[in-house]
Amino acid sequence: MSNPAPDRVAAWLNYGMPRMLLVGLMVLAAGVDVRTRDLGIGGPASNPLEVLVLVAFVLLLADTVIYSRQPARMLEAAWGANPFVCLYFGWAFLAAVIGVLQLPVSIFVFRNLFPAFLLFAYLSFGVRKPADLRWLLLIFLLAALPNIFLGLSQYLFGGPFPVKLNLATAVKMDVDGTFVKTAVSGLFNHPNGLSIFLLPVFLVAFGLVFSRSTKSIWLSLLALGILIAAAILLYLARGKGAWAWGLLGMGVMLAPRWLLSFRRAWIAQIAVVIIGIIGLTWGSLLMGGAFKTMQTRINLWESALYALRDNAFVALFGSGQEAVWNVSGRIADVQYANAHNVFLNQAIYFGIPAMIFYCGIFVWGIRSAQMAFAAAEDPKIRQVARISLGVLMAVAGQYFFEPSAEASGLAAVFLLFVGLAAAAARLGVSK
């Protein structure tokens, strides 16, 4: 009679807890993304997430010895989850290497982004059941606690600030148009970075609190506490864009099921994001006051477009930070090395193809989340799909007005919800 133990060990190594534990640890590490060396935009980061990347590679090498097709299977899982993620990272790697010929900066941007791709690949391969989805949401909320506690301490006690504040913090505007006197930045070097991180935290907590699918009283209480704390910090960080896009995400969480489930609703949802971007831009120009920085943003967008138009190398392979710096010095109120727009920045870093693929990640992710919500019968899967849909729509709008989201942790958070949307779609159909 054969011993079943080796088979169980093989199954455990192949599909079991090591994968999900590693993904969970990566999500936790994304919440403490501390940059210990800062060389400006795209400067290298040294953080726990990069340590886990090395662990992931060691595990992958072991997998390759035991299961020769394991790396290929993980890439197949990532491609099936969202092909635009693979296209984006493939082109970004090529462009970063070639871009060294012009400006050796984008290679550091890619270095910071790569841990997020590895997290996405492991998540796409490792999630096997609806409980995995809910577990990752819980881990994400726990990952937010260091920034939440630190942000509250900075407001109440004036510190500490483990990460040196960016000089731009001094000209951060309050809602009334005056300069912010008390900086709240958590583990980031600017309040805007904290706002980018906290928007998904706020929406996940909101979705868990107000969803009937959350049966655990302890999870509901944890989510409620984090919801209140995140809302307070978003107010203290003066993240005006985060407030606007948070309202959109809350609307998705509270919308009737039929409104999110009709045939090809994802097209309408993408249209809502685009209309929101246009409306926020024009509204900010008309309101002035605290929103008068919108004109500066538009000038920086124009600087990026001129840099792409006037340099074929930048248009194809990126590494155009110096070009944007030079153009913005002539046409904008401030001289800046990027477009102050995450989508345009992809073209500046890695060329126009990368920007197209990056937009495709959002479109495919929103489509996956909406289709998962419409098709799934399991309430846990529907809950995760709705939360992922709200987060991706809100983040897409917020990214249009933010200077960067290339820090290792922020990129990992973004791809976490892209991966959750894809996993929800896969599990919803399989059920």
Protein backbone atom coordinates (compact mmCIF):
# COMPACT_ATOMS: atom_id res chain seq x y z
CA MET A 1 0.00 0.00 0.00
CA SER A 2 1.48 3.37 -1.06
CA ASN A 3 2.14 6.10 1.46
CA PRO A 4 -0.12 9.13 0.77
CA ALA A 5 2.15 11.51 2.72
CA PRO A 6 4.40 12.45 -0.24
CA ASP A 7 1.33 13.29 -2.30
CA ARG A 8 -0.01 15.53 0.46
CA VAL A 9 3.37 17.24 0.80
CA ALA A 10 3.52 17.79 -2.95
CA ALA A 11 0.03 19.27 -3.00
CA TRP A 12 0.90 21.50 -0.04
CA LEU A 13 4.05 22.77 -1.75
CA ASN A 14 2.29 23.20 -5.07
CA TYR A 15 -0.97 24.89 -4.14
CA GLY A 16 -1.18 25.27 -0.41
CA MET A 17 -0.53 27.76 2.33
CA PRO A 18 3.06 28.75 1.42
CA ARG A 19 1.72 30.65 -1.59
CA MET A 20 -1.01 32.51 0.26
CA LEU A 21 1.19 33.15 3.28
CA LEU A 22 3.77 34.73 1.00
CA VAL A 23 1.11 36.88 -0.69
CA GLY A 24 -0.22 37.89 2.72
CA LEU A 25 3.25 38.85 3.91
CA MET A 26 3.76 40.91 0.75
CA VAL A 27 0.50 42.76 1.40
CA LEU A 28 1.60 43.45 4.97
CA ALA A 29 4.96 44.67 3.71
CA ALA A 30 3.22 47.02 1.28
CA GLY A 31 1.84 48.85 4.31
CA VAL A 32 5.33 49.66 5.60
CA ASP A 33 6.98 50.73 2.36
CA VAL A 34 9.81 52.81 3.85
CA ARG A 35 12.23 54.33 1.39
CA THR A 36 15.62 54.38 3.06
CA ARG A 37 17.48 55.89 0.13
CA ASP A 38 15.82 58.63 -1.91
CA LEU A 39 17.30 59.70 -5.24
CA GLY A 40 14.20 61.64 -6.26
CA ILE A 41 11.53 60.41 -8.68
CA GLY A 42 12.08 56.71 -9.23
CA GLY A 43 14.85 56.48 -6.65
CA PRO A 44 15.58 53.02 -5.25
CA ALA A 45 13.70 51.79 -2.22
CA SER A 46 14.94 49.35 0.40
CA ASN A 47 12.03 47.87 2.28
CA PRO A 48 10.53 44.62 3.63
CA LEU A 49 8.75 44.05 0.33
CA GLU A 50 12.06 43.70 -1.47
CA VAL A 51 13.23 41.16 1.11
CA LEU A 52 10.12 39.10 0.40
CA VAL A 53 10.90 39.30 -3.30
CA LEU A 54 14.12 37.43 -2.58
CA VAL A 55 12.15 34.87 -0.56
CA ALA A 56 9.74 34.51 -3.46
CA PHE A 57 12.61 33.88 -5.87
CA VAL A 58 14.07 31.23 -3.59
CA LEU A 59 10.67 29.55 -3.40
CA LEU A 60 10.33 29.79 -7.16
CA LEU A 61 13.74 28.18 -7.67
CA ALA A 62 12.70 25.34 -5.37
CA ASP A 63 9.48 25.01 -7.34
CA THR A 64 11.45 24.82 -10.56
CA VAL A 65 13.48 21.89 -9.23
CA ILE A 66 10.40 20.00 -7.99
CA TYR A 67 7.93 21.11 -10.66
CA SER A 68 9.75 22.05 -13.85
CA ARG A 69 6.83 24.01 -15.33
CA GLN A 70 6.02 26.01 -12.21
CA PRO A 71 7.33 29.40 -13.41
CA ALA A 72 5.49 28.98 -16.70
CA ARG A 73 2.31 28.06 -14.87
CA MET A 74 2.58 31.18 -12.71
CA LEU A 75 3.04 33.37 -15.78
CA GLU A 76 0.09 31.65 -17.42
CA ALA A 77 -1.98 32.41 -14.33
CA ALA A 78 -0.90 36.07 -14.40
CA TRP A 79 -1.69 36.33 -18.13
CA GLY A 80 -5.10 34.76 -17.62
CA ALA A 81 -5.84 37.11 -14.73
CA ASN A 82 -4.99 40.32 -16.60
CA PRO A 83 -2.90 40.15 -19.79
CA PHE A 84 -2.26 43.89 -19.71
CA VAL A 85 -0.28 43.51 -16.48
CA CYS A 86 2.12 41.15 -18.25
CA LEU A 87 2.31 43.37 -21.34
CA TYR A 88 2.98 46.44 -19.21
CA PHE A 89 5.75 44.86 -17.17
CA GLY A 90 7.29 43.20 -20.21
CA TRP A 91 7.46 46.49 -22.11
CA ALA A 92 8.53 48.43 -19.00
CA PHE A 93 11.49 46.08 -18.50
CA LEU A 94 12.54 46.42 -22.15
CA ALA A 95 12.13 50.20 -22.10
CA ALA A 96 13.96 50.57 -18.79
CA VAL A 97 16.96 48.64 -20.10
CA ILE A 98 17.06 50.53 -23.40
CA GLY A 99 16.35 53.81 -21.60
CA VAL A 100 19.68 53.57 -19.80
CA LEU A 101 21.21 54.81 -23.07
CA GLN A 102 19.45 58.15 -22.53
CA LEU A 103 18.85 58.55 -18.79
CA PRO A 104 19.50 55.85 -16.15
CA VAL A 105 16.46 56.69 -14.01
CA SER A 106 13.57 54.60 -15.32
CA ILE A 107 15.46 51.42 -14.49
CA PHE A 108 15.01 52.40 -10.81
CA VAL A 109 11.31 53.00 -11.41
CA PHE A 110 11.01 49.48 -12.80
CA ARG A 111 12.99 48.12 -9.86
CA ASN A 112 10.45 49.63 -7.47
CA LEU A 113 7.52 48.29 -9.50
CA PHE A 114 8.74 44.72 -9.89
CA PRO A 115 7.73 43.45 -6.41
CA ALA A 116 4.13 44.38 -7.27
CA PHE A 117 4.24 42.18 -10.37
CA LEU A 118 5.58 39.28 -8.35
CA LEU A 119 2.78 39.73 -5.80
CA PHE A 120 0.24 39.77 -8.64
CA ALA A 121 1.66 36.57 -10.16
CA TYR A 122 1.66 34.70 -6.86
CA LEU A 123 -1.85 35.92 -6.05
CA SER A 124 -3.17 34.90 -9.47
CA PHE A 125 -1.66 31.43 -9.05
CA GLY A 126 -2.30 30.94 -5.34
CA VAL A 127 -5.93 31.97 -4.75
CA ARG A 128 -8.02 28.80 -4.79
CA LYS A 129 -11.18 29.51 -2.78
CA PRO A 130 -13.44 32.44 -1.77
CA ALA A 131 -12.02 32.44 1.77
CA ASP A 132 -8.62 33.42 0.29
CA LEU A 133 -10.17 36.61 -1.07
CA ARG A 134 -11.68 37.66 2.24
CA TRP A 135 -8.45 36.76 4.04
CA LEU A 136 -6.43 39.08 1.79
CA LEU A 137 -8.83 41.95 2.47
CA LEU A 138 -8.34 41.42 6.20
CA ILE A 139 -4.54 41.37 5.78
CA PHE A 140 -4.76 44.60 3.78
CA LEU A 141 -6.67 46.33 6.59
CA LEU A 142 -4.07 45.16 9.11
CA ALA A 143 -1.32 46.44 6.81
CA ALA A 144 -2.82 49.92 7.09
CA LEU A 145 -2.46 50.10 10.88
CA PRO A 146 1.17 51.39 10.99
CA ASN A 147 0.28 54.35 8.77
CA ILE A 148 -2.94 54.99 10.67
CA PHE A 149 -1.32 55.01 14.10
CA LEU A 150 1.63 57.06 12.88
CA GLY A 151 -0.59 59.58 11.10
CA LEU A 152 -2.72 60.11 14.21
CA SER A 153 0.44 60.51 16.30
CA GLN A 154 1.81 63.10 13.88
CA TYR A 155 -1.33 65.18 14.21
CA LEU A 156 -1.78 64.81 17.97
CA PHE A 157 1.86 64.90 19.10
CA GLY A 158 3.74 66.44 16.17
CA GLY A 159 5.60 63.27 15.20
CA PRO A 160 7.47 61.10 14.72
CA PHE A 161 8.27 61.36 11.00
CA PRO A 162 10.38 58.29 10.13
CA VAL A 163 10.52 59.42 6.50
CA LYS A 164 11.86 62.91 5.81
CA LEU A 165 9.13 65.19 4.45
CA ASN A 166 9.34 66.41 0.87
CA LEU A 167 9.87 70.15 0.46
CA ALA A 168 6.57 70.30 -1.46
CA THR A 169 4.79 69.66 1.85
CA ALA A 170 5.44 73.29 2.75
CA VAL A 171 3.13 74.48 -0.05
CA LYS A 172 0.37 71.91 0.49
CA MET A 173 -2.96 73.78 0.40
CA ASP A 174 -5.86 73.44 2.80
CA VAL A 175 -9.48 73.51 1.63
CA ASP A 176 -9.72 77.27 2.28
CA GLY A 177 -6.72 77.97 0.04
CA THR A 178 -4.22 78.57 2.87
CA PHE A 179 -1.11 76.49 3.41
CA VAL A 180 -1.42 73.41 5.61
CA LYS A 181 0.20 74.04 8.99
CA THR A 182 0.25 70.49 10.38
CA ALA A 183 1.61 67.78 8.09
CA VAL A 184 0.16 64.27 8.36
CA SER A 185 2.05 61.85 6.12
CA GLY A 186 2.39 58.50 7.93
CA LEU A 187 5.29 56.58 6.41
CA PHE A 188 5.26 58.71 3.26
CA ASN A 189 7.23 61.85 2.46
CA HIS A 190 4.13 63.89 1.58
CA PRO A 191 0.46 63.92 2.68
CA ASN A 192 -0.59 63.07 -0.88
CA GLY A 193 1.21 59.75 -0.65
CA LEU A 194 -0.72 58.92 2.50
CA SER A 195 -3.98 59.88 0.74
CA ILE A 196 -3.21 57.58 -2.20
CA PHE A 197 -2.61 54.72 0.22
CA LEU A 198 -5.60 55.41 2.47
CA LEU A 199 -8.25 55.70 -0.25
CA PRO A 200 -8.38 51.91 -0.88
CA VAL A 201 -8.17 51.32 2.89
CA PHE A 202 -11.19 53.56 3.48
CA LEU A 203 -13.20 51.88 0.69
CA VAL A 204 -12.37 48.32 1.79
CA ALA A 205 -13.40 49.13 5.36
CA PHE A 206 -16.55 50.86 4.11
CA GLY A 207 -17.44 47.87 1.94
CA LEU A 208 -16.98 45.40 4.77
CA VAL A 209 -18.96 47.48 7.26
CA PHE A 210 -21.96 48.15 5.03
CA SER A 211 -22.16 44.77 3.31
CA ARG A 212 -24.60 42.16 4.56
CA SER A 213 -22.06 39.53 3.47
CA THR A 214 -19.84 40.36 6.46
CA LYS A 215 -21.13 37.91 9.06
CA SER A 216 -18.28 38.18 11.56
CA ILE A 217 -18.92 40.78 14.26
CA TRP A 218 -15.19 41.01 14.95
CA LEU A 219 -14.37 41.74 11.31
CA SER A 220 -17.16 44.34 11.23
CA LEU A 221 -15.83 46.06 14.35
CA LEU A 222 -12.24 46.05 13.05
CA ALA A 223 -13.41 47.45 9.71
CA LEU A 224 -15.49 50.12 11.47
CA GLY A 225 -12.54 51.28 13.55
CA ILE A 226 -10.28 51.47 10.51
CA LEU A 227 -13.03 53.21 8.52
CA ILE A 228 -13.31 55.98 11.12
CA ALA A 229 -9.54 56.37 11.48
CA ALA A 230 -8.98 56.41 7.69
CA ALA A 231 -11.73 59.01 7.23
CA ILE A 232 -10.14 61.24 9.90
CA LEU A 233 -6.68 60.93 8.33
CA LEU A 234 -7.96 61.61 4.81
CA TYR A 235 -9.43 64.82 6.22
CA LEU A 236 -6.24 65.74 8.08
CA ALA A 237 -4.06 64.97 5.04
CA ARG A 238 -6.22 67.40 3.00
CA GLY A 239 -6.46 64.88 0.18
CA LYS A 240 -9.13 66.76 -1.77
CA GLY A 241 -8.96 64.37 -4.72
CA ALA A 242 -9.22 61.38 -2.40
CA TRP A 243 -12.42 62.82 -0.93
CA ALA A 244 -14.01 63.19 -4.37
CA TRP A 245 -13.05 59.72 -5.58
CA GLY A 246 -13.92 58.24 -2.22
CA LEU A 247 -17.50 59.40 -2.80
CA LEU A 248 -17.52 57.56 -6.12
CA GLY A 249 -16.23 54.39 -4.48
CA MET A 250 -18.83 54.66 -1.72
CA GLY A 251 -21.50 55.00 -4.39
CA VAL A 252 -20.35 51.71 -5.91
CA MET A 253 -20.52 50.02 -2.50
CA LEU A 254 -24.08 51.23 -1.90
CA ALA A 255 -25.47 50.94 -5.45
CA PRO A 256 -28.36 48.51 -6.08
CA ARG A 257 -27.18 45.20 -7.44
CA TRP A 258 -29.05 45.61 -10.74
CA LEU A 259 -27.20 48.86 -11.44
CA LEU A 260 -23.85 47.04 -11.39
CA SER A 261 -25.01 43.84 -13.06
CA PHE A 262 -26.60 44.78 -16.36
CA ARG A 263 -24.94 43.54 -19.54
CA ARG A 264 -21.58 45.24 -20.12
CA ALA A 265 -22.04 47.59 -17.19
CA TRP A 266 -18.25 47.89 -17.02
CA ILE A 267 -18.33 50.14 -20.12
CA ALA A 268 -20.66 52.55 -18.33
CA GLN A 269 -18.47 52.39 -15.22
CA ILE A 270 -15.36 53.36 -17.18
CA ALA A 271 -17.38 56.19 -18.74
CA VAL A 272 -18.33 57.38 -15.23
CA VAL A 273 -14.63 57.58 -14.30
CA ILE A 274 -13.85 59.57 -17.47
CA ILE A 275 -16.78 61.93 -16.89
CA GLY A 276 -15.64 62.35 -13.28
CA ILE A 277 -12.12 63.28 -14.41
CA ILE A 278 -13.46 65.87 -16.85
CA GLY A 279 -15.92 67.25 -14.32
CA LEU A 280 -13.33 67.52 -11.53
CA THR A 281 -10.87 69.25 -13.86
CA TRP A 282 -13.34 71.87 -15.07
CA GLY A 283 -14.87 72.30 -11.62
CA SER A 284 -11.48 72.92 -10.05
CA LEU A 285 -10.63 75.53 -12.70
CA LEU A 286 -13.90 77.34 -12.04
CA MET A 287 -13.69 77.19 -8.25
CA GLY A 288 -10.14 78.47 -7.82
CA GLY A 289 -9.06 78.91 -4.20
CA ALA A 290 -7.66 75.66 -2.87
CA PHE A 291 -8.19 74.15 -6.32
CA LYS A 292 -6.15 76.70 -8.26
CA THR A 293 -3.30 74.18 -8.50
CA MET A 294 -5.30 72.50 -11.27
CA GLN A 295 -3.90 74.99 -13.79
CA THR A 296 -0.38 74.02 -12.73
CA ARG A 297 -1.30 70.36 -13.23
CA ILE A 298 -2.57 71.11 -16.73
CA ASN A 299 0.69 72.91 -17.54
CA LEU A 300 2.63 69.86 -16.35
CA TRP A 301 0.44 67.59 -18.51
CA GLU A 302 1.26 69.85 -21.46
CA SER A 303 4.96 69.63 -20.59
CA ALA A 304 4.79 65.85 -20.77
CA LEU A 305 2.91 65.93 -24.08
CA TYR A 306 5.50 68.31 -25.59
CA ALA A 307 8.33 66.06 -24.38
CA LEU A 308 6.68 63.03 -25.99
CA ARG A 309 5.95 64.91 -29.22
CA ASP A 310 9.44 66.35 -29.63
CA ASN A 311 11.50 63.24 -28.82
CA ALA A 312 10.81 59.97 -30.66
CA PHE A 313 13.02 58.01 -28.25
CA VAL A 314 11.01 59.24 -25.25
CA ALA A 315 7.74 58.51 -27.05
CA LEU A 316 8.77 54.90 -27.64
CA PHE A 317 11.01 54.00 -24.70
CA GLY A 318 10.50 56.75 -22.13
CA SER A 319 13.28 57.95 -19.80
CA GLY A 320 11.93 61.44 -20.46
CA GLN A 321 12.11 62.87 -16.95
CA GLU A 322 14.82 65.35 -17.93
CA ALA A 323 12.83 66.47 -20.97
CA VAL A 324 9.73 67.15 -18.82
CA TRP A 325 11.90 69.01 -16.31
CA ASN A 326 13.24 71.30 -19.03
CA VAL A 327 9.85 71.97 -20.68
CA SER A 328 8.00 72.53 -17.40
CA GLY A 329 10.58 75.16 -16.45
CA ARG A 330 9.36 77.20 -19.42
CA ILE A 331 5.58 76.76 -19.37
CA ALA A 332 4.57 75.79 -15.80
CA ASP A 333 4.56 77.61 -12.48
CA VAL A 334 6.81 74.93 -11.01
CA GLN A 335 9.61 72.91 -12.55
CA TYR A 336 8.88 69.23 -12.19
CA ALA A 337 10.38 65.98 -13.47
CA ASN A 338 7.09 64.21 -14.14
CA ALA A 339 3.63 64.96 -15.48
CA HIS A 340 1.77 64.99 -12.14
CA ASN A 341 -0.45 62.37 -13.75
CA VAL A 342 0.20 58.68 -13.13
CA PHE A 343 -1.02 57.66 -16.59
CA LEU A 344 1.09 60.18 -18.49
CA ASN A 345 4.01 59.28 -16.27
CA GLN A 346 4.00 55.76 -17.68
CA ALA A 347 4.76 57.26 -21.09
CA ILE A 348 7.46 59.47 -19.59
CA TYR A 349 9.06 56.52 -17.79
CA PHE A 350 8.60 53.73 -20.34
CA GLY A 351 7.07 55.15 -23.53
CA ILE A 352 3.57 55.45 -24.97
CA PRO A 353 3.11 51.64 -25.31
CA ALA A 354 3.51 51.34 -21.53
CA MET A 355 0.85 54.00 -20.97
CA ILE A 356 -1.56 52.12 -23.26
CA PHE A 357 -0.93 48.86 -21.41
CA TYR A 358 -1.29 50.63 -18.05
CA CYS A 359 -4.69 51.99 -19.05
CA GLY A 360 -5.55 48.49 -20.23
CA ILE A 361 -4.83 47.14 -16.73
CA PHE A 362 -7.57 49.37 -15.32
CA VAL A 363 -10.05 48.59 -18.08
CA TRP A 364 -9.52 44.83 -17.75
CA GLY A 365 -9.56 45.04 -13.96
CA ILE A 366 -12.84 46.98 -13.84
CA ARG A 367 -14.31 44.61 -16.41
CA SER A 368 -13.24 41.56 -14.37
CA ALA A 369 -14.66 42.97 -11.13
CA GLN A 370 -17.99 43.91 -12.71
CA MET A 371 -18.40 40.57 -14.48
CA ALA A 372 -17.48 38.71 -11.29
CA PHE A 373 -20.10 40.67 -9.35
CA ALA A 374 -22.75 39.98 -12.00
CA ALA A 375 -22.01 36.25 -12.34
CA ALA A 376 -21.07 35.07 -8.85
CA GLU A 377 -23.63 33.37 -6.62
CA ASP A 378 -21.37 33.18 -3.57
CA PRO A 379 -21.97 36.35 -1.47
CA LYS A 380 -18.30 36.46 -0.40
CA ILE A 381 -17.17 36.55 -4.02
CA ARG A 382 -19.74 39.24 -4.85
CA GLN A 383 -18.55 41.29 -1.88
CA VAL A 384 -14.89 41.15 -2.93
CA ALA A 385 -15.86 41.89 -6.54
CA ARG A 386 -17.88 44.96 -5.50
CA ILE A 387 -15.09 46.24 -3.25
CA SER A 388 -12.48 45.70 -6.00
CA LEU A 389 -14.71 47.48 -8.51
CA GLY A 390 -15.17 50.49 -6.23
CA VAL A 391 -11.46 50.67 -5.40
CA LEU A 392 -10.31 50.40 -9.03
CA MET A 393 -12.76 53.04 -10.24
CA ALA A 394 -11.77 55.44 -7.45
CA VAL A 395 -8.04 54.83 -7.86
CA ALA A 396 -8.25 55.31 -11.65
CA GLY A 397 -9.73 58.75 -11.09
CA GLN A 398 -7.33 59.68 -8.32
CA TYR A 399 -4.28 58.60 -10.33
CA PHE A 400 -5.18 61.07 -13.08
CA PHE A 401 -4.28 63.95 -10.76
CA GLU A 402 -1.42 62.52 -8.71
CA PRO A 403 2.32 62.85 -9.39
CA SER A 404 3.28 59.21 -8.86
CA ALA A 405 2.25 55.77 -7.69
CA GLU A 406 5.53 53.98 -8.39
CA ALA A 407 6.58 53.34 -4.80
CA SER A 408 6.84 49.61 -4.19
CA GLY A 409 4.00 49.58 -1.67
CA LEU A 410 1.56 51.72 -3.66
CA ALA A 411 2.13 49.64 -6.79
CA ALA A 412 1.56 46.46 -4.80
CA VAL A 413 -1.72 47.80 -3.39
CA PHE A 414 -2.95 48.71 -6.87
CA LEU A 415 -2.16 45.28 -8.32
CA LEU A 416 -3.61 43.60 -5.23
CA PHE A 417 -7.07 44.80 -6.25
CA VAL A 418 -6.47 44.03 -9.91
CA GLY A 419 -5.58 40.50 -8.81
CA LEU A 420 -8.57 40.24 -6.45
CA ALA A 421 -10.91 41.29 -9.26
CA ALA A 422 -9.48 38.64 -11.57
CA ALA A 423 -9.56 35.95 -8.89
CA ALA A 424 -13.18 36.82 -8.04
CA ALA A 425 -14.09 36.51 -11.72
CA ARG A 426 -12.37 33.12 -11.98
CA LEU A 427 -13.91 31.74 -8.80
CA GLY A 428 -17.33 33.18 -9.60
CA VAL A 429 -17.44 31.43 -12.96
CA SER A 430 -16.05 28.16 -11.56
CA LYS A 431 -18.74 28.10 -8.91
